[in-house]
Amino acid sequence: MSNSQVRPETLSEYLAHLPMTDQQRAELAGCQSFSELHERLSSSTFDAPTEAAQASVGKRLTLSTAEELQDAEMLVLDANGRVCLKATPPIRRTKVVPE
């Protein structure tokens, strides 16, 4: 999704914005809640809705652009092992005290 102010009110609106095939949308159309949708996207079950949403980030990032993101080396794992976009260059620390 873009940074627009549009917020989907229903699951069907949310699914319409995801870059999926009609068959993929149809498979997820039976979800009763956003939590269930994210659990199915992440192929896991969670106690908290936020955990399910976080777990599905990797899948949502790679729905249509997986090849391009991998070729550009833009997908990385964070310190907790979750998939995320590489948004900054690596940190290169230098010593403040001269040797």
C-alpha atoms as a PDB file:
ATOM      1  CA  MET A   1       0.000   0.000   0.000  1.00  0.00           C
ATOM      2  CA  SER A   2       1.070   3.563  -0.435  1.00  0.00           C
ATOM      3  CA  ASN A   3       1.306   6.246   2.223  1.00  0.00           C
ATOM      4  CA  SER A   4      -2.150   7.535   1.327  1.00  0.00           C
ATOM      5  CA  GLN A   5      -4.695   8.315   4.003  1.00  0.00           C
ATOM      6  CA  VAL A   6      -7.068   5.615   2.727  1.00  0.00           C
ATOM      7  CA  ARG A   7      -7.775   3.076   5.461  1.00  0.00           C
ATOM      8  CA  PRO A   8      -9.674  -0.061   4.491  1.00  0.00           C
ATOM      9  CA  GLU A   9     -12.845  -0.529   6.507  1.00  0.00           C
ATOM     10  CA  THR A  10     -13.433  -4.168   5.609  1.00  0.00           C
ATOM     11  CA  LEU A  11     -11.383  -7.253   4.880  1.00  0.00           C
ATOM     12  CA  SER A  12     -12.519  -7.212   1.257  1.00  0.00           C
ATOM     13  CA  GLU A  13     -11.236  -3.643   0.845  1.00  0.00           C
ATOM     14  CA  TYR A  14      -7.940  -4.645   2.448  1.00  0.00           C
ATOM     15  CA  LEU A  15      -7.617  -7.680   0.176  1.00  0.00           C
ATOM     16  CA  ALA A  16      -8.380  -5.517  -2.859  1.00  0.00           C
ATOM     17  CA  HIS A  17      -5.293  -3.413  -2.083  1.00  0.00           C
ATOM     18  CA  LEU A  18      -2.935  -6.383  -1.740  1.00  0.00           C
ATOM     19  CA  PRO A  19      -1.094  -7.304  -4.951  1.00  0.00           C
ATOM     20  CA  MET A  20      -2.576 -10.807  -5.287  1.00  0.00           C
ATOM     21  CA  THR A  21      -4.148 -12.933  -7.954  1.00  0.00           C
ATOM     22  CA  ASP A  22      -7.909 -13.424  -7.923  1.00  0.00           C
ATOM     23  CA  GLN A  23      -7.362 -17.022  -6.813  1.00  0.00           C
ATOM     24  CA  GLN A  24      -5.231 -15.918  -3.840  1.00  0.00           C
ATOM     25  CA  ARG A  25      -7.886 -13.365  -2.849  1.00  0.00           C
ATOM     26  CA  ALA A  26     -10.620 -15.988  -3.095  1.00  0.00           C
ATOM     27  CA  GLU A  27      -8.673 -18.297  -0.765  1.00  0.00           C
ATOM     28  CA  LEU A  28      -8.436 -15.534   1.856  1.00  0.00           C
ATOM     29  CA  ALA A  29     -11.950 -14.131   1.359  1.00  0.00           C
ATOM     30  CA  GLY A  30     -13.384 -16.482   3.983  1.00  0.00           C
ATOM     31  CA  CYS A  31     -11.382 -14.896   6.807  1.00  0.00           C
ATOM     32  CA  GLN A  32     -13.563 -13.473   9.583  1.00  0.00           C
ATOM     33  CA  SER A  33     -11.045 -10.991  11.015  1.00  0.00           C
ATOM     34  CA  PHE A  34      -7.846  -9.172  10.177  1.00  0.00           C
ATOM     35  CA  SER A  35      -6.061 -11.399  12.710  1.00  0.00           C
ATOM     36  CA  GLU A  36      -7.197 -14.529  10.899  1.00  0.00           C
ATOM     37  CA  LEU A  37      -6.149 -13.035   7.566  1.00  0.00           C
ATOM     38  CA  HIS A  38      -2.654 -12.263   8.869  1.00  0.00           C
ATOM     39  CA  GLU A  39      -2.379 -15.694  10.478  1.00  0.00           C
ATOM     40  CA  ARG A  40      -3.206 -17.333   7.159  1.00  0.00           C
ATOM     41  CA  LEU A  41      -0.731 -15.118   5.325  1.00  0.00           C
ATOM     42  CA  SER A  42       2.012 -15.961   7.813  1.00  0.00           C
ATOM     43  CA  SER A  43       1.021 -19.664   8.030  1.00  0.00           C
ATOM     44  CA  SER A  44       1.111 -19.475  11.842  1.00  0.00           C
ATOM     45  CA  THR A  45      -1.262 -18.924  14.748  1.00  0.00           C
ATOM     46  CA  PHE A  46      -0.839 -16.270  17.428  1.00  0.00           C
ATOM     47  CA  ASP A  47      -2.454 -15.153  20.672  1.00  0.00           C
ATOM     48  CA  ALA A  48      -2.258 -11.420  19.933  1.00  0.00           C
ATOM     49  CA  PRO A  49      -3.482  -9.741  16.705  1.00  0.00           C
ATOM     50  CA  THR A  50      -0.365  -7.566  16.533  1.00  0.00           C
ATOM     51  CA  GLU A  51       1.829 -10.668  16.496  1.00  0.00           C
ATOM     52  CA  ALA A  52      -0.091 -12.031  13.505  1.00  0.00           C
ATOM     53  CA  ALA A  53       0.201  -8.731  11.636  1.00  0.00           C
ATOM     54  CA  GLN A  54       3.942  -8.559  12.338  1.00  0.00           C
ATOM     55  CA  ALA A  55       4.440 -12.165  11.245  1.00  0.00           C
ATOM     56  CA  SER A  56       2.725 -11.552   7.898  1.00  0.00           C
ATOM     57  CA  VAL A  57       4.911  -8.557   6.975  1.00  0.00           C
ATOM     58  CA  GLY A  58       7.400 -10.711   5.097  1.00  0.00           C
ATOM     59  CA  LYS A  59       4.676 -12.368   3.045  1.00  0.00           C
ATOM     60  CA  ARG A  60       2.963  -9.051   2.286  1.00  0.00           C
ATOM     61  CA  LEU A  61       6.274  -7.500   1.217  1.00  0.00           C
ATOM     62  CA  THR A  62       6.963 -10.324  -1.182  1.00  0.00           C
ATOM     63  CA  LEU A  63       3.511 -10.779  -2.727  1.00  0.00           C
ATOM     64  CA  SER A  64       4.349  -9.032  -5.986  1.00  0.00           C
ATOM     65  CA  THR A  65       7.888  -7.773  -5.674  1.00  0.00           C
ATOM     66  CA  ALA A  66       9.794 -10.662  -4.123  1.00  0.00           C
ATOM     67  CA  GLU A  67      12.115 -11.155  -7.068  1.00  0.00           C
ATOM     68  CA  GLU A  68      12.907  -7.456  -7.444  1.00  0.00           C
ATOM     69  CA  LEU A  69      13.480  -6.986  -3.698  1.00  0.00           C
ATOM     70  CA  GLN A  70      15.734 -10.033  -3.492  1.00  0.00           C
ATOM     71  CA  ASP A  71      17.703  -8.979  -6.575  1.00  0.00           C
ATOM     72  CA  ALA A  72      18.223  -5.539  -5.036  1.00  0.00           C
ATOM     73  CA  GLU A  73      19.063  -7.152  -1.669  1.00  0.00           C
ATOM     74  CA  MET A  74      16.353  -5.068   0.018  1.00  0.00           C
ATOM     75  CA  LEU A  75      14.870  -7.807   2.228  1.00  0.00           C
ATOM     76  CA  VAL A  76      16.787  -8.520   5.427  1.00  0.00           C
ATOM     77  CA  LEU A  77      16.155 -10.052   8.829  1.00  0.00           C
ATOM     78  CA  ASP A  78      16.019  -7.742  11.829  1.00  0.00           C
ATOM     79  CA  ALA A  79      17.642  -8.506  15.193  1.00  0.00           C
ATOM     80  CA  ASN A  80      14.617 -10.646  16.135  1.00  0.00           C
ATOM     81  CA  GLY A  81      14.730 -12.672  12.914  1.00  0.00           C
ATOM     82  CA  ARG A  82      11.744 -10.972  11.266  1.00  0.00           C
ATOM     83  CA  VAL A  83      11.689 -10.052   7.574  1.00  0.00           C
ATOM     84  CA  CYS A  84      11.915  -6.317   6.936  1.00  0.00           C
ATOM     85  CA  LEU A  85      12.979  -3.849   4.266  1.00  0.00           C
ATOM     86  CA  LYS A  86      16.518  -2.571   4.374  1.00  0.00           C
ATOM     87  CA  ALA A  87      15.894   1.154   4.771  1.00  0.00           C
ATOM     88  CA  THR A  88      19.349   2.452   5.683  1.00  0.00           C
ATOM     89  CA  PRO A  89      22.934   1.632   4.819  1.00  0.00           C
ATOM     90  CA  PRO A  90      24.863  -0.478   7.325  1.00  0.00           C
ATOM     91  CA  ILE A  91      26.325   1.330  10.323  1.00  0.00           C
ATOM     92  CA  ARG A  92      30.088   1.720  10.208  1.00  0.00           C
ATOM     93  CA  ARG A  93      31.422   2.794  13.552  1.00  0.00           C
ATOM     94  CA  THR A  94      34.773   4.457  13.948  1.00  0.00           C
ATOM     95  CA  LYS A  95      36.723   4.875  17.131  1.00  0.00           C
ATOM     96  CA  VAL A  96      36.577   8.301  18.715  1.00  0.00           C
ATOM     97  CA  VAL A  97      39.840   7.800  20.568  1.00  0.00           C
ATOM     98  CA  PRO A  98      42.940   7.824  18.357  1.00  0.00           C
ATOM     99  CA  GLU A  99      45.068   4.695  18.451  1.00  0.00           C
END
